[in-house]
Amino acid sequence: MIDLMGHLHPFLVHFPIGILVIACVMIWLRAFRKTDFQSSISLLSMLGALTAGAACISGYLLSQSGDYQSSSVNPHQWWGIGTCLLAIALYFFHAYRTIISVLVFLALAITGHLGGELTYGANYLFQQKKSVISSKEIQRTLDSSLVALAKDTTVQVLNPTKKFPFQDEVLPILKNHCFQCHSSKKQKGKLRLDSELFIKKGGKEGAILLAGNPLKSHLYKYLILPEDDDLHMPPEGKKQLNSRQIAIIRRWIEIGAPFGEYTGALPSSAMDISSSENSSMDEVNSPANEAMVKPMKSLEPVNPEFILEAKNLGLSVSSVASHPAGLSVNFVNVKQLDAQVWQVAKKIQDHIFQIKLGKRKDVAVEELLNFPQLEQLNLEQSNIQDKDLEILGRLPNLKRLNLYGTSVSDAGVKTLASMKALKVLYIWQSKLSQKGLQSLQSARPDLQVVQGEIHFTPPDTNRLKAIK
């Protein structure tokens, strides 16, 4: 619910803008033409103040999503609050409406400009015109098989005469396709791609770059996912990379992802992806990870007939980036989780890395043990209880667990703390008390617990003094 209110901000913000602009125009007309708009102006001022307040609240909730840097959001946030206060003054102080209306209009312009910069980047208003290329015109010669595309290293794409491949060839691609959401002005997923430091740092999901291995680098893997996949980058509807641009990023990672001068020679067919993949597997092939690595080594492409059978029963199946043959399965359209549904899902059990069972009251937790690769599990608003957590704890690779709106309570804290592979836990609106939450965080300080709390950002007093 909190996320929904935050995402409504781009929609809500247009109401106070339109209403207050009309109110200002009517105030100015009354001043020059002596026309009586008093009652209409009062009504519009009241509506403008109310909608501005709603826009401020939704804007704050959106700012807490982690997609924006606080230093960039603060100016827009406080100008928006100031605009709301001016709208309230416009309603109450009739004698000063002409002066206040000018301030309201200026505040709307500044707030809107700052919001535009957050959304579209700096200097978006006066940027040079670029040729518009529709997604249909961008020819992407990606093979339907992600594995085949990932291993296609026959085309030379990096210019051997350029000694700075990142600066000369990779960075322009990132600027044109990624900076809108991943730069100093906006950090979708807490990720920035505008410098070497931030690229190496990664985002809230961890590292995105593994030098020498594109298949283990999210920077590349997310590019080759189907465009309708939730993890595909750039998102559906945005300007997509063409096949050559994707190949440039892949080749740059293969040669070691150098950010400075590259003095080595470009190989005739680049690095053998399979060998680099095997070397990376050796790094993690320890006794602690043995259970996870073995099934991944033997994972073959899924049988298309099994996918079709699953879809015919209402399962939504899509690919994931964690493995070339990995799948995400959503049971949202399944009317009843009976034995037949689980039987069909088991046919692709070794390929399933994500399962979504939100808003279901017929989840049989024992069935989830049939999916050894499971890394992400969404059980929000389902029938999950404390006793079911012991079963979920037997999933060796479970990293993200969504228990939002469930009846999980303090009785399940010990079991949650024992899930060593778990990295992120969503626990909003559950029956977990503050004491239980503190106990969990004390036992597992490395676990990121998302509980939906609202924290107000204090104003930058230095900035306010400078404005005065």
Protein backbone atom coordinates (compact mmCIF):
# COMPACT_ATOMS: atom_id res chain seq x y z
CA MET A 1 0.00 0.00 0.00
CA ILE A 2 2.84 2.37 0.87
CA ASP A 3 4.58 1.58 -2.42
CA LEU A 4 1.34 2.17 -4.32
CA MET A 5 0.83 5.59 -2.72
CA GLY A 6 4.40 6.54 -3.59
CA HIS A 7 4.04 5.45 -7.19
CA LEU A 8 0.92 7.63 -7.51
CA HIS A 9 3.06 10.77 -7.09
CA PRO A 10 3.60 11.39 -10.84
CA PHE A 11 -0.19 11.18 -11.24
CA LEU A 12 -1.21 13.25 -8.21
CA VAL A 13 1.29 16.05 -8.76
CA HIS A 14 -0.53 17.30 -11.87
CA PHE A 15 -3.71 18.19 -9.98
CA PRO A 16 -2.29 20.97 -7.75
CA ILE A 17 -0.30 22.34 -10.69
CA GLY A 18 -3.37 22.75 -12.89
CA ILE A 19 -5.68 23.93 -10.10
CA LEU A 20 -3.26 26.50 -8.65
CA VAL A 21 -2.31 27.89 -12.05
CA ILE A 22 -6.00 28.48 -12.82
CA ALA A 23 -6.46 30.11 -9.42
CA CYS A 24 -3.48 32.42 -10.03
CA VAL A 25 -4.77 33.43 -13.46
CA MET A 26 -8.20 34.24 -11.99
CA ILE A 27 -6.58 36.35 -9.24
CA TRP A 28 -4.64 38.34 -11.83
CA LEU A 29 -7.73 38.81 -14.01
CA ARG A 30 -9.67 40.07 -11.02
CA ALA A 31 -6.90 42.57 -10.22
CA PHE A 32 -6.82 44.01 -13.74
CA ARG A 33 -10.46 43.68 -14.85
CA LYS A 34 -12.14 43.99 -11.45
CA THR A 35 -14.09 40.80 -12.14
CA ASP A 36 -15.62 39.06 -9.12
CA PHE A 37 -14.07 35.57 -8.93
CA GLN A 38 -13.91 35.52 -5.13
CA SER A 39 -15.87 32.32 -4.50
CA SER A 40 -14.23 30.44 -7.39
CA ILE A 41 -10.75 31.51 -6.26
CA SER A 42 -11.45 30.33 -2.71
CA LEU A 43 -12.67 26.96 -3.94
CA LEU A 44 -9.69 26.50 -6.26
CA SER A 45 -7.25 27.57 -3.52
CA MET A 46 -8.70 25.02 -1.12
CA LEU A 47 -8.58 22.22 -3.71
CA GLY A 48 -5.05 23.25 -4.69
CA ALA A 49 -3.88 23.12 -1.08
CA LEU A 50 -5.46 19.69 -0.47
CA THR A 51 -4.08 18.12 -3.64
CA ALA A 52 -0.66 19.71 -3.00
CA GLY A 53 -0.66 18.08 0.43
CA ALA A 54 -1.52 14.71 -1.10
CA ALA A 55 1.26 15.16 -3.67
CA CYS A 56 3.75 15.97 -0.89
CA ILE A 57 2.85 12.83 1.04
CA SER A 58 3.03 10.56 -2.02
CA GLY A 59 6.29 12.23 -3.08
CA TYR A 60 7.86 11.56 0.29
CA LEU A 61 6.81 7.90 0.18
CA LEU A 62 8.31 7.61 -3.32
CA SER A 63 11.58 9.13 -2.07
CA GLN A 64 11.86 6.32 0.50
CA SER A 65 12.00 3.66 -2.22
CA GLY A 66 15.79 3.97 -2.40
CA ASP A 67 15.70 4.92 -6.10
CA TYR A 68 16.72 8.52 -5.45
CA GLN A 69 19.67 10.16 -3.73
CA SER A 70 18.56 12.24 -0.72
CA SER A 71 20.77 15.19 -1.67
CA SER A 72 18.97 15.40 -5.03
CA VAL A 73 15.50 14.86 -3.59
CA ASN A 74 15.72 17.39 -0.74
CA PRO A 75 15.50 20.60 -2.85
CA HIS A 76 12.46 19.27 -4.73
CA GLN A 77 10.94 18.00 -1.47
CA TRP A 78 11.19 21.29 0.41
CA TRP A 79 10.12 23.43 -2.52
CA GLY A 80 7.10 21.16 -2.84
CA ILE A 81 6.27 21.60 0.84
CA GLY A 82 6.73 25.35 0.46
CA THR A 83 4.34 25.37 -2.49
CA CYS A 84 1.77 23.54 -0.37
CA LEU A 85 2.12 26.11 2.43
CA LEU A 86 1.76 28.97 -0.05
CA ALA A 87 -1.42 27.34 -1.40
CA ILE A 88 -2.81 27.25 2.15
CA ALA A 89 -1.91 30.94 2.58
CA LEU A 90 -3.62 31.69 -0.72
CA TYR A 91 -6.85 30.31 0.72
CA PHE A 92 -6.77 32.10 4.08
CA PHE A 93 -5.19 35.50 3.37
CA HIS A 94 -7.59 37.17 0.95
CA ALA A 95 -6.01 40.62 1.20
CA TYR A 96 -2.60 39.41 -0.01
CA ARG A 97 -3.74 37.01 -2.72
CA THR A 98 -2.15 38.91 -5.59
CA ILE A 99 1.32 38.80 -4.02
CA ILE A 100 0.92 35.22 -2.80
CA SER A 101 -0.28 34.09 -6.24
CA VAL A 102 2.98 35.31 -7.82
CA LEU A 103 4.95 33.37 -5.21
CA VAL A 104 2.80 30.29 -5.81
CA PHE A 105 3.41 30.47 -9.55
CA LEU A 106 7.19 30.81 -9.08
CA ALA A 107 7.24 27.99 -6.53
CA LEU A 108 5.32 25.74 -8.92
CA ALA A 109 7.82 26.47 -11.69
CA ILE A 110 10.86 25.77 -9.50
CA THR A 111 9.36 22.65 -7.92
CA GLY A 112 8.33 21.30 -11.31
CA HIS A 113 11.77 21.96 -12.77
CA LEU A 114 13.51 20.17 -9.89
CA GLY A 115 11.10 17.25 -10.24
CA GLY A 116 11.80 17.11 -13.95
CA GLU A 117 15.52 16.91 -13.30
CA LEU A 118 14.97 14.00 -10.90
CA THR A 119 12.97 12.14 -13.53
CA TYR A 120 14.75 13.03 -16.76
CA GLY A 121 18.21 14.12 -15.61
CA ALA A 122 20.01 17.44 -15.31
CA ASN A 123 19.37 20.13 -17.93
CA TYR A 124 16.53 18.12 -19.40
CA LEU A 125 14.66 21.31 -20.30
CA PHE A 126 17.39 22.77 -22.50
CA GLN A 127 19.13 19.67 -23.74
CA GLN A 128 19.93 19.36 -27.43
CA LYS A 129 17.38 17.63 -29.59
CA LYS A 130 18.12 14.04 -30.40
CA SER A 131 16.78 11.94 -33.19
CA VAL A 132 13.91 9.81 -31.94
CA ILE A 133 14.26 6.12 -32.68
CA SER A 134 11.31 3.89 -31.98
CA SER A 135 11.81 0.49 -30.46
CA LYS A 136 10.56 -1.08 -33.69
CA GLU A 137 13.41 0.57 -35.61
CA ILE A 138 16.04 -0.82 -33.26
CA GLN A 139 16.96 -4.16 -34.77
CA ARG A 140 17.98 -6.59 -32.07
CA THR A 141 19.39 -9.76 -33.57
CA LEU A 142 19.35 -11.59 -30.25
CA ASP A 143 18.85 -15.33 -30.54
CA SER A 144 15.82 -16.76 -28.75
CA SER A 145 18.20 -18.87 -26.70
CA LEU A 146 20.02 -16.79 -24.08
CA VAL A 147 22.81 -19.34 -23.91
CA ALA A 148 23.44 -19.15 -27.64
CA LEU A 149 23.56 -15.36 -27.51
CA ALA A 150 25.85 -15.33 -24.49
CA LYS A 151 28.36 -17.59 -26.25
CA ASP A 152 28.27 -15.71 -29.55
CA THR A 153 31.77 -14.20 -29.56
CA THR A 154 32.53 -14.30 -33.28
CA VAL A 155 32.06 -10.60 -34.02
CA GLN A 156 34.83 -8.10 -33.30
CA VAL A 157 33.18 -5.05 -31.76
CA LEU A 158 35.83 -3.18 -29.76
CA ASN A 159 37.95 -0.92 -31.90
CA PRO A 160 41.59 -2.11 -31.55
CA THR A 161 42.88 1.42 -32.27
CA LYS A 162 41.23 2.83 -29.14
CA LYS A 163 43.26 2.26 -25.98
CA PHE A 164 40.49 3.35 -23.59
CA PRO A 165 37.56 1.03 -24.41
CA PHE A 166 35.47 2.09 -21.40
CA GLN A 167 35.74 5.83 -22.01
CA ASP A 168 35.52 5.59 -25.80
CA GLU A 169 32.91 2.89 -26.35
CA VAL A 170 31.20 1.66 -23.17
CA LEU A 171 30.56 4.97 -21.39
CA PRO A 172 28.64 6.56 -24.33
CA ILE A 173 26.28 3.56 -24.29
CA LEU A 174 25.70 3.91 -20.56
CA LYS A 175 25.06 7.66 -20.94
CA ASN A 176 22.43 7.17 -23.64
CA HIS A 177 20.62 4.21 -22.12
CA CYS A 178 21.32 4.01 -18.37
CA PHE A 179 22.08 7.40 -16.82
CA GLN A 180 18.42 8.42 -16.73
CA CYS A 181 17.88 5.93 -13.89
CA HIS A 182 21.42 5.25 -12.66
CA SER A 183 23.44 8.43 -12.17
CA SER A 184 24.06 11.18 -9.62
CA LYS A 185 20.48 12.46 -9.94
CA LYS A 186 18.69 9.14 -9.60
CA GLN A 187 19.76 5.72 -8.35
CA LYS A 188 17.23 3.08 -9.27
CA GLY A 189 18.00 0.09 -7.08
CA LYS A 190 20.69 2.19 -5.36
CA LEU A 191 22.85 1.74 -8.45
CA ARG A 192 24.99 4.35 -10.21
CA LEU A 193 26.78 3.76 -13.49
CA ASP A 194 28.45 7.14 -13.98
CA SER A 195 31.86 6.31 -12.53
CA GLU A 196 34.26 3.42 -12.01
CA LEU A 197 33.81 3.56 -8.24
CA PHE A 198 30.02 3.14 -8.34
CA ILE A 199 30.05 0.51 -11.08
CA LYS A 200 32.41 -1.62 -9.00
CA LYS A 201 30.33 -0.97 -5.88
CA GLY A 202 27.10 -2.25 -7.47
CA GLY A 203 23.57 -1.68 -6.14
CA LYS A 204 21.27 -3.02 -3.47
CA GLU A 205 21.40 -6.47 -5.10
CA GLY A 206 25.20 -6.54 -4.81
CA ALA A 207 27.97 -6.48 -7.39
CA ILE A 208 26.97 -6.12 -11.04
CA LEU A 209 30.37 -6.69 -12.63
CA LEU A 210 32.67 -9.71 -12.59
CA ALA A 211 35.66 -8.91 -14.80
CA GLY A 212 36.23 -11.61 -17.40
CA ASN A 213 32.82 -13.25 -17.04
CA PRO A 214 29.78 -11.61 -18.69
CA LEU A 215 27.43 -14.41 -17.66
CA LYS A 216 28.07 -13.60 -14.01
CA SER A 217 27.83 -9.83 -14.52
CA HIS A 218 24.36 -8.36 -14.08
CA LEU A 219 25.50 -5.39 -16.16
CA TYR A 220 25.43 -7.75 -19.15
CA LYS A 221 22.99 -10.51 -18.13
CA TYR A 222 20.07 -8.13 -17.65
CA LEU A 223 20.57 -6.82 -21.18
CA ILE A 224 19.98 -10.19 -22.82
CA LEU A 225 16.80 -11.09 -20.95
CA PRO A 226 13.49 -10.91 -22.85
CA GLU A 227 12.21 -7.33 -22.96
CA ASP A 228 9.05 -8.23 -21.02
CA ASP A 229 11.07 -9.77 -18.17
CA ASP A 230 10.95 -7.83 -14.88
CA LEU A 231 14.75 -7.79 -14.67
CA HIS A 232 15.41 -6.79 -18.28
CA MET A 233 17.36 -3.57 -18.68
CA PRO A 234 16.59 -0.99 -19.90
CA PRO A 235 12.96 -1.50 -18.79
CA GLU A 236 10.26 -2.23 -21.33
CA GLY A 237 9.24 0.95 -23.13
CA LYS A 238 12.66 2.59 -22.77
CA LYS A 239 15.15 3.00 -25.60
CA GLN A 240 16.79 -0.41 -26.00
CA LEU A 241 20.37 -1.30 -26.85
CA ASN A 242 21.00 -2.85 -30.23
CA SER A 243 22.93 -6.09 -30.69
CA ARG A 244 26.26 -4.35 -31.36
CA GLN A 245 26.02 -2.22 -28.22
CA ILE A 246 25.28 -5.30 -26.14
CA ALA A 247 28.24 -7.05 -27.76
CA ILE A 248 30.52 -4.10 -26.91
CA ILE A 249 29.65 -4.40 -23.21
CA ARG A 250 30.07 -8.16 -23.32
CA ARG A 251 33.50 -7.92 -24.99
CA TRP A 252 34.64 -5.21 -22.58
CA ILE A 253 33.84 -7.48 -19.64
CA GLU A 254 35.56 -10.41 -21.34
CA ILE A 255 38.88 -8.55 -21.65
CA GLY A 256 38.81 -7.77 -17.93
CA ALA A 257 36.54 -4.69 -17.78
CA PRO A 258 39.42 -2.16 -17.84
CA PHE A 259 38.46 1.39 -16.86
CA GLY A 260 41.79 2.88 -17.85
CA GLU A 261 44.16 2.26 -20.74
CA TYR A 262 44.04 -1.23 -22.22
CA THR A 263 47.33 -2.35 -23.76
CA GLY A 264 46.46 -5.97 -24.45
CA ALA A 265 45.53 -7.35 -27.84
CA LEU A 266 41.93 -8.15 -28.63
CA PRO A 267 41.57 -11.92 -29.17
CA SER A 268 40.30 -13.12 -32.51
CA SER A 269 37.25 -14.74 -31.00
CA ALA A 270 37.42 -13.16 -27.57
CA MET A 271 37.61 -15.23 -24.42
CA ASP A 272 35.97 -18.63 -24.38
CA ILE A 273 32.90 -17.93 -22.26
CA SER A 274 32.59 -21.51 -21.20
CA SER A 275 36.13 -21.61 -19.79
CA SER A 276 35.65 -18.37 -17.89
CA GLU A 277 32.39 -19.69 -16.54
CA ASN A 278 34.08 -22.89 -15.36
CA SER A 279 36.84 -20.94 -13.63
CA SER A 280 34.27 -18.87 -11.79
CA MET A 281 32.47 -22.02 -10.77
CA ASP A 282 35.71 -23.38 -9.31
CA GLU A 283 35.98 -20.31 -7.10
CA VAL A 284 32.68 -21.10 -5.44
CA ASN A 285 33.02 -24.89 -5.53
CA SER A 286 33.68 -25.24 -1.83
CA PRO A 287 32.07 -27.74 0.59
CA ALA A 288 29.79 -24.99 1.89
CA ASN A 289 28.48 -24.28 -1.60
CA GLU A 290 28.61 -27.82 -2.97
CA ALA A 291 24.86 -28.39 -2.65
CA MET A 292 24.17 -25.28 -4.66
CA VAL A 293 26.82 -25.72 -7.35
CA LYS A 294 26.20 -29.31 -8.35
CA PRO A 295 22.68 -28.89 -9.75
CA MET A 296 23.72 -25.70 -11.56
CA LYS A 297 26.52 -27.53 -13.40
CA SER A 298 24.12 -30.14 -14.80
CA LEU A 299 21.35 -27.68 -15.62
CA GLU A 300 20.24 -28.09 -19.23
CA PRO A 301 17.86 -25.88 -21.24
CA VAL A 302 14.28 -26.48 -20.20
CA ASN A 303 11.97 -28.52 -22.39
CA PRO A 304 9.60 -26.07 -24.20
CA GLU A 305 6.77 -28.59 -23.92
CA PHE A 306 6.95 -28.40 -20.12
CA ILE A 307 6.75 -24.59 -20.29
CA LEU A 308 3.70 -24.78 -22.52
CA GLU A 309 2.04 -27.29 -20.21
CA ALA A 310 2.64 -25.01 -17.23
CA LYS A 311 1.20 -21.99 -19.02
CA ASN A 312 -1.89 -23.95 -20.02
CA LEU A 313 -2.62 -24.44 -16.31
CA GLY A 314 -2.35 -20.70 -15.64
CA LEU A 315 1.29 -20.49 -14.48
CA SER A 316 3.17 -17.41 -15.63
CA VAL A 317 6.71 -18.47 -16.59
CA SER A 318 9.56 -16.11 -17.44
CA SER A 319 13.35 -16.22 -17.46
CA VAL A 320 15.66 -14.90 -14.73
CA ALA A 321 19.17 -13.51 -14.84
CA SER A 322 20.67 -15.71 -12.13
CA HIS A 323 21.18 -18.53 -14.64
CA PRO A 324 20.87 -18.76 -18.44
CA ALA A 325 18.26 -21.51 -18.10
CA GLY A 326 16.68 -20.24 -14.87
CA LEU A 327 12.96 -19.51 -14.57
CA SER A 328 10.55 -17.44 -12.50
CA VAL A 329 7.07 -18.89 -11.90
CA ASN A 330 4.05 -16.88 -10.78
CA PHE A 331 0.96 -18.76 -9.58
CA VAL A 332 -1.27 -15.67 -9.50
CA ASN A 333 -3.61 -16.88 -12.28
CA VAL A 334 -3.94 -20.44 -10.97
CA LYS A 335 -7.44 -20.97 -9.61
CA GLN A 336 -6.57 -23.85 -7.31
CA LEU A 337 -3.18 -25.15 -6.19
CA ASP A 338 -4.00 -28.82 -6.56
CA ALA A 339 -1.76 -31.83 -7.12
CA GLN A 340 -1.88 -31.42 -10.89
CA VAL A 341 -0.44 -27.89 -10.75
CA TRP A 342 2.43 -28.92 -8.48
CA GLN A 343 3.10 -31.99 -10.63
CA VAL A 344 3.50 -29.84 -13.73
CA ALA A 345 5.72 -27.37 -11.85
CA LYS A 346 7.95 -30.25 -10.72
CA LYS A 347 8.76 -31.01 -14.36
CA ILE A 348 10.79 -27.79 -14.43
CA GLN A 349 11.74 -27.82 -10.73
CA ASP A 350 15.51 -27.70 -11.29
CA HIS A 351 15.11 -24.56 -13.43
CA ILE A 352 12.97 -22.53 -11.00
CA PHE A 353 14.86 -19.82 -9.11
CA GLN A 354 11.91 -17.58 -8.25
CA ILE A 355 8.37 -18.40 -7.11
CA LYS A 356 5.51 -15.96 -6.51
CA LEU A 357 2.61 -17.20 -4.38
CA GLY A 358 1.27 -13.88 -3.13
CA LYS A 359 -2.32 -13.45 -1.92
CA ARG A 360 -3.02 -17.19 -1.84
CA LYS A 361 -4.62 -19.07 1.03
CA ASP A 362 -3.95 -22.56 -0.30
CA VAL A 363 -0.16 -22.71 -0.27
CA ALA A 364 1.21 -26.14 0.65
CA VAL A 365 4.64 -25.25 1.98
CA GLU A 366 5.95 -28.82 1.76
CA GLU A 367 5.70 -28.63 -2.03
CA LEU A 368 8.31 -25.86 -2.11
CA LEU A 369 10.98 -28.32 -0.99
CA ASN A 370 10.81 -29.80 -4.49
CA PHE A 371 12.58 -26.70 -5.88
CA PRO A 372 16.26 -26.95 -4.81
CA GLN A 373 17.40 -23.89 -6.80
CA LEU A 374 14.83 -21.53 -5.25
CA GLU A 375 16.44 -18.16 -4.38
CA GLN A 376 13.48 -15.77 -4.23
CA LEU A 377 10.10 -16.59 -2.71
CA ASN A 378 7.11 -14.24 -2.53
CA LEU A 379 4.46 -15.33 0.01
CA GLU A 380 2.90 -11.95 0.74
CA GLN A 381 -0.63 -12.01 2.19
CA SER A 382 -0.69 -15.80 2.05
CA ASN A 383 -1.63 -18.46 4.62
CA ILE A 384 1.96 -18.87 5.85
CA GLN A 385 2.33 -19.33 9.63
CA ASP A 386 5.22 -19.65 12.09
CA LYS A 387 5.25 -23.44 11.86
CA ASP A 388 5.76 -23.23 8.08
CA LEU A 389 9.04 -21.35 8.49
CA GLU A 390 10.81 -24.51 9.65
CA ILE A 391 10.04 -26.06 6.27
CA LEU A 392 11.20 -22.96 4.40
CA GLY A 393 14.41 -23.09 6.41
CA ARG A 394 15.29 -26.31 4.61
CA LEU A 395 15.62 -24.47 1.30
CA PRO A 396 19.43 -24.17 0.96
CA ASN A 397 19.57 -21.27 -1.50
CA LEU A 398 16.69 -19.05 -0.34
CA LYS A 399 18.04 -15.47 -0.37
CA ARG A 400 14.93 -13.25 -0.55
CA LEU A 401 11.70 -13.99 1.33
CA ASN A 402 8.56 -11.86 1.25
CA LEU A 403 6.26 -12.40 4.25
CA TYR A 404 4.38 -9.12 3.97
CA GLY A 405 0.88 -9.26 5.45
CA THR A 406 1.22 -12.79 6.84
CA SER A 407 0.55 -14.10 10.36
CA VAL A 408 4.25 -14.72 11.08
CA SER A 409 4.96 -13.63 14.68
CA ASP A 410 7.71 -13.55 17.28
CA ALA A 411 7.48 -17.35 17.51
CA GLY A 412 9.16 -17.56 14.11
CA VAL A 413 12.13 -15.30 14.90
CA LYS A 414 14.45 -18.16 15.85
CA THR A 415 13.71 -20.01 12.61
CA LEU A 416 14.17 -16.90 10.49
CA ALA A 417 17.50 -16.20 12.16
CA SER A 418 18.66 -19.73 11.36
CA MET A 419 18.20 -19.26 7.60
CA LYS A 420 21.87 -18.58 6.83
CA ALA A 421 21.39 -18.07 3.10
CA LEU A 422 18.65 -15.45 3.65
CA LYS A 423 19.78 -11.92 2.76
CA VAL A 424 16.56 -9.90 2.45
CA LEU A 425 13.31 -10.31 4.42
CA TYR A 426 10.09 -8.36 3.80
CA ILE A 427 8.02 -8.38 6.98
CA TRP A 428 5.57 -5.45 6.62
CA GLN A 429 2.26 -5.68 8.44
CA SER A 430 2.99 -9.11 9.91
CA LYS A 431 2.44 -10.03 13.57
CA LEU A 432 6.12 -9.62 14.37
CA SER A 433 6.42 -7.19 17.30
CA GLN A 434 9.08 -4.53 17.72
CA LYS A 435 10.71 -6.69 20.38
CA GLY A 436 10.75 -9.66 18.05
CA LEU A 437 12.17 -7.53 15.25
CA GLN A 438 14.98 -6.30 17.51
CA SER A 439 15.72 -9.89 18.51
CA LEU A 440 15.92 -10.92 14.85
CA GLN A 441 18.21 -8.04 13.91
CA SER A 442 20.40 -8.79 16.92
CA ALA A 443 20.74 -12.43 15.90
CA ARG A 444 21.21 -11.63 12.20
CA PRO A 445 22.80 -8.16 11.78
CA ASP A 446 23.67 -9.09 8.18
CA LEU A 447 19.99 -9.64 7.28
CA GLN A 448 18.24 -6.75 5.56
CA VAL A 449 14.77 -6.52 7.10
CA VAL A 450 12.28 -4.37 5.18
CA GLN A 451 9.47 -3.42 7.57
CA GLY A 452 7.84 -0.43 5.84
CA GLU A 453 8.67 2.16 8.46
CA ILE A 454 8.49 5.85 7.52
CA HIS A 455 11.48 8.02 8.40
CA PHE A 456 11.27 11.74 7.69
CA THR A 457 14.41 13.39 6.34
CA PRO A 458 15.27 16.54 8.33
CA PRO A 459 15.72 19.73 6.33
CA ASP A 460 19.21 20.84 5.30
CA THR A 461 19.57 23.86 7.55
CA ASN A 462 22.67 25.04 5.75
CA ARG A 463 20.78 25.10 2.46
CA LEU A 464 17.84 26.96 4.05
CA LYS A 465 20.19 29.60 5.48
CA ALA A 466 21.80 30.04 2.10
CA ILE A 467 18.36 30.58 0.49
CA LYS A 468 17.48 33.22 3.09
